Each structure stands twice: as structure tokens, then as C-alpha cells.
């Protein structure tokens, strides 16, 4: 852990409104894992973001946008997020989204395989497309044409775009968590 956890009572005038917005957003969209201490201090990527409001505020706006009114089914989103977190070996990301993915109905076998960096054989068609898109994007380079077409066929143009942005956002989340060596809660 490279950054001390900010106590809510020590927040600056610039940090306080961002904290309030993050706390409300966490309660609405990020349930099922430890992301806040009993005293209200934010854990996970929120602590680094709140420390640097100049960057944290626009990042948080993007995270809220990708979480609000998603087009993609929840299990599909979780597959893409876990492929991304696995690629970056981001401990907190994997901790949080394995718990969320379990709540969304993904089996322990699927989750263990994805976290190990491999493609499960029993993915649904949509989950398989999400896996392939996320895997290709985190590997770098242009998304292969056939993979892009499969995403558009399964999710429509807007859903395929959402999938791309989702992977991009969770690349940033994973890099933030890894930069600051954010631990998994006890």
C-alpha cells in the first residue's frame, strides 16, 4: 500500500464533494465487496482517485457513465472485467469482481479459469464474445475484424462500443490499483 487511506474528516474542500459523489455512487453501483471502512474512508481505486481530484473526478465520471444503464448483460460485463483484471494481475480488481461475478451467476469453474488467464470452455455465446474482445484488446493492437463483427452481431453497435469502453475503463482501474499497490481487504 503506497498511499495512506484518507480519513473523511481530513478531506480538503476540493476532495469533499468528490468523496460525497463517490460514496453515493459506490452505494448504488458497487455492492458485494469491501470498498469502504466503517468510518467511511474509501478503499480500492477510490482512495487514489480522491487523493488527486484533478484526475480522480474525470475518472470517476467515466466510471459512473460505464456503470449507469448498461446495455450489456451483467455476466458479460463481469467476464470482460475479469479478463482485464487478470491480464494486469490486479489483486483488488480480481477480488472485487469475482465476488460480483458470483452474484451475477458465473460459476466458480468459469471464474477460476478466467482468473488463471484462460478461456473457459463452457462460456455462453455472449460471454465468449466478451472474453475474446477483452482478451484481444488487453493484448494490444487493433481488434481483429472478425472479433469486432462478432461483438456487433451479439451486442449491436452500441453494445460493442460499450464493451470496448468497459475494457478501457478497467485497464485504467487495474493500472491505478497496481501503481499504488492497493491491497485486498482483510
Protein backbone atom coordinates (compact mmCIF):
# COMPACT_ATOMS: atom_id res chain seq x y z
CA UNK A 1 0.00 0.00 0.00
CA UNK A 2 1.69 3.14 -1.18
CA UNK A 3 -0.96 5.68 -0.21
CA UNK A 4 -2.44 6.02 3.26
CA UNK A 5 -6.22 5.77 3.37
CA UNK A 6 -7.73 9.25 3.60
CA UNK A 7 -9.92 9.81 6.63
CA UNK A 8 -13.16 11.54 5.56
CA UNK A 9 -12.74 14.19 8.26
CA UNK A 10 -9.39 15.21 6.73
CA UNK A 11 -10.66 15.86 3.19
CA UNK A 12 -9.95 19.20 1.52
CA UNK A 13 -12.68 21.46 0.15
CA UNK A 14 -11.89 20.07 -3.31
CA UNK A 15 -11.98 16.44 -2.16
CA UNK A 16 -15.20 16.59 -0.10
CA UNK A 17 -17.76 16.91 -2.94
CA UNK A 18 -15.94 14.21 -4.91
CA UNK A 19 -15.98 11.98 -1.83
CA UNK A 20 -19.71 12.55 -1.36
CA UNK A 21 -20.41 11.69 -5.00
CA UNK A 22 -18.17 8.61 -4.87
CA UNK A 23 -19.77 7.39 -1.67
CA UNK A 24 -23.26 7.71 -3.20
CA UNK A 25 -22.13 6.01 -6.42
CA UNK A 26 -20.48 3.17 -4.55
CA UNK A 27 -23.71 2.51 -2.65
CA UNK A 28 -25.68 2.47 -5.93
CA UNK A 29 -23.36 0.55 -8.27
CA UNK A 30 -20.53 -1.19 -6.42
CA UNK A 31 -22.07 -3.66 -3.98
CA UNK A 32 -20.93 -7.06 -2.81
CA UNK A 33 -17.33 -6.36 -1.82
CA UNK A 34 -15.47 -4.26 0.75
CA UNK A 35 -14.90 -0.78 -0.65
CA UNK A 36 -15.34 1.41 2.43
CA UNK A 37 -14.16 1.30 6.04
CA UNK A 38 -16.59 1.65 8.94
CA UNK A 39 -15.51 5.29 9.32
CA UNK A 40 -16.47 5.99 5.69
CA UNK A 41 -12.93 6.01 4.29
CA UNK A 42 -12.87 4.81 0.69
CA UNK A 43 -10.83 1.76 -0.31
CA UNK A 44 -9.87 0.25 -3.66
CA UNK A 45 -9.31 2.68 -6.55
CA UNK A 46 -11.42 5.36 -4.85
CA UNK A 47 -8.68 6.24 -2.35
CA UNK A 48 -6.11 7.11 -5.05
CA UNK A 49 -8.75 8.98 -7.06
CA UNK A 50 -9.92 11.05 -4.10
CA UNK A 51 -6.30 11.99 -3.31
CA UNK A 52 -5.92 13.57 -6.76
CA UNK A 53 -9.25 15.26 -7.58
CA UNK A 54 -7.81 16.79 -10.76
CA UNK A 55 -7.62 13.26 -12.19
CA UNK A 56 -9.97 11.42 -9.87
CA UNK A 57 -13.04 13.49 -10.74
CA UNK A 58 -12.94 12.88 -14.53
CA UNK A 59 -12.01 9.23 -13.98
CA UNK A 60 -14.96 8.86 -11.61
CA UNK A 61 -17.31 10.48 -14.15
CA UNK A 62 -16.20 7.90 -16.72
CA UNK A 63 -16.62 5.03 -14.24
CA UNK A 64 -20.12 6.25 -13.38
CA UNK A 65 -21.01 6.52 -17.07
CA UNK A 66 -19.90 2.95 -17.78
CA UNK A 67 -21.81 1.66 -14.71
CA UNK A 68 -25.07 3.52 -15.38
CA UNK A 69 -27.74 1.89 -17.56
CA UNK A 70 -25.51 -0.72 -19.21
CA UNK A 71 -26.58 -2.34 -22.46
CA UNK A 72 -24.54 -5.47 -21.82
CA UNK A 73 -25.85 -8.24 -19.55
CA UNK A 74 -24.20 -8.33 -16.12
CA UNK A 75 -22.41 -11.70 -16.62
CA UNK A 76 -20.97 -10.47 -19.93
CA UNK A 77 -19.65 -7.32 -18.27
CA UNK A 78 -18.07 -9.35 -15.49
CA UNK A 79 -16.32 -11.67 -17.95
CA UNK A 80 -14.76 -8.65 -19.70
CA UNK A 81 -13.78 -7.01 -16.41
CA UNK A 82 -12.18 -10.21 -15.10
CA UNK A 83 -10.25 -10.81 -18.33
CA UNK A 84 -8.88 -7.29 -17.94
CA UNK A 85 -8.08 -7.62 -14.24
CA UNK A 86 -6.45 -10.99 -14.86
CA UNK A 87 -4.27 -9.58 -17.64
CA UNK A 88 -2.97 -6.89 -15.28
CA UNK A 89 -2.83 -9.28 -12.29
CA UNK A 90 -4.70 -6.66 -10.30
CA UNK A 91 -5.45 -8.23 -6.93
CA UNK A 92 -8.14 -5.85 -5.70
CA UNK A 93 -9.86 -5.85 -9.09
CA UNK A 94 -9.99 -9.63 -9.17
CA UNK A 95 -11.10 -9.82 -5.53
CA UNK A 96 -13.99 -7.39 -6.09
CA UNK A 97 -15.22 -8.68 -9.42
CA UNK A 98 -15.01 -12.38 -8.60
CA UNK A 99 -17.46 -11.63 -5.79
CA UNK A 100 -19.68 -9.58 -8.11
CA UNK A 101 -19.48 -12.22 -10.86
CA UNK A 102 -20.56 -14.92 -8.39
CA UNK A 103 -23.62 -12.80 -7.58
CA UNK A 104 -24.29 -12.48 -11.33
CA UNK A 105 -24.39 -16.26 -11.69
CA UNK A 106 -20.97 -17.12 -13.10
CA UNK A 107 -19.74 -20.50 -11.85
CA UNK A 108 -16.65 -20.98 -9.72
CA UNK A 109 -15.12 -23.05 -12.53
CA UNK A 110 -15.57 -20.26 -15.08
CA UNK A 111 -14.21 -17.69 -12.69
CA UNK A 112 -11.16 -19.74 -11.72
CA UNK A 113 -10.35 -20.35 -15.38
CA UNK A 114 -10.70 -16.67 -16.34
CA UNK A 115 -8.64 -15.51 -13.35
CA UNK A 116 -5.96 -18.02 -14.41
CA UNK A 117 -5.83 -16.24 -17.78
CA UNK A 118 -7.54 -18.96 -19.79
CA UNK A 119 -10.79 -19.15 -21.75
CA UNK A 120 -13.42 -21.40 -20.15
CA UNK A 121 -14.92 -23.99 -22.49
CA UNK A 122 -18.44 -23.53 -21.12
CA UNK A 123 -18.96 -19.82 -21.79
CA UNK A 124 -22.26 -18.76 -23.30
CA UNK A 125 -22.06 -17.26 -26.79
CA UNK A 126 -22.21 -13.72 -25.39
CA UNK A 127 -19.69 -14.47 -22.64
CA UNK A 128 -17.34 -15.98 -25.24
CA UNK A 129 -17.55 -12.88 -27.42
CA UNK A 130 -16.87 -10.67 -24.39
CA UNK A 131 -13.92 -12.86 -23.43
CA UNK A 132 -12.47 -12.73 -26.95
CA UNK A 133 -12.91 -8.96 -27.30
CA UNK A 134 -11.41 -8.21 -23.88
CA UNK A 135 -8.55 -10.64 -24.41
CA UNK A 136 -7.69 -9.15 -27.80
CA UNK A 137 -7.89 -5.57 -26.53
CA UNK A 138 -5.66 -6.09 -23.48
CA UNK A 139 -3.14 -7.91 -25.68
CA UNK A 140 -2.66 -4.74 -27.73
CA UNK A 141 -3.05 -3.89 -31.37
CA UNK A 142 -6.14 -3.47 -33.50
CA UNK A 143 -9.15 -5.55 -32.53
CA UNK A 144 -9.38 -8.26 -35.22
CA UNK A 145 -12.17 -7.63 -37.74
CA UNK A 146 -13.89 -10.96 -37.11
CA UNK A 147 -13.86 -10.35 -33.35
CA UNK A 148 -15.33 -6.88 -33.85
CA UNK A 149 -18.03 -8.25 -36.14
CA UNK A 150 -18.91 -10.93 -33.59
CA UNK A 151 -19.32 -8.22 -30.93
CA UNK A 152 -21.57 -6.12 -33.17
CA UNK A 153 -23.60 -9.21 -34.09
CA UNK A 154 -24.11 -10.18 -30.42
CA UNK A 155 -24.48 -6.76 -28.82
CA UNK A 156 -25.22 -4.27 -31.60
CA UNK A 157 -23.01 -1.33 -32.48
CA UNK A 158 -23.67 0.50 -29.20
CA UNK A 159 -23.18 -2.63 -27.11
CA UNK A 160 -19.89 -3.38 -28.89
CA UNK A 161 -18.76 0.18 -28.18
CA UNK A 162 -19.78 -0.20 -24.53
CA UNK A 163 -17.71 -3.39 -24.32
CA UNK A 164 -14.67 -1.55 -25.67
CA UNK A 165 -15.10 1.33 -23.23
CA UNK A 166 -15.68 -1.11 -20.37
CA UNK A 167 -12.36 -2.84 -21.07
CA UNK A 168 -10.62 0.52 -21.37
CA UNK A 169 -12.02 1.76 -18.07
CA UNK A 170 -10.98 -1.41 -16.27
CA UNK A 171 -7.49 -1.20 -17.79
CA UNK A 172 -7.25 2.20 -16.12
CA UNK A 173 -8.72 0.89 -12.86
CA UNK A 174 -6.27 -2.03 -12.84
CA UNK A 175 -3.28 0.21 -13.57
CA UNK A 176 -4.33 2.58 -10.78
CA UNK A 177 -4.65 -0.30 -8.33
CA UNK A 178 -1.28 -1.72 -9.37
CA UNK A 179 0.51 1.66 -9.33
CA UNK A 180 -0.47 2.28 -5.75
CA UNK A 181 -0.26 -1.37 -4.67
CA UNK A 182 -3.83 -1.28 -3.36
CA UNK A 183 -4.34 -4.36 -1.19
CA UNK A 184 -7.24 -6.75 -1.00
CA UNK A 185 -9.17 -6.05 2.23
CA UNK A 186 -8.56 -8.38 5.18
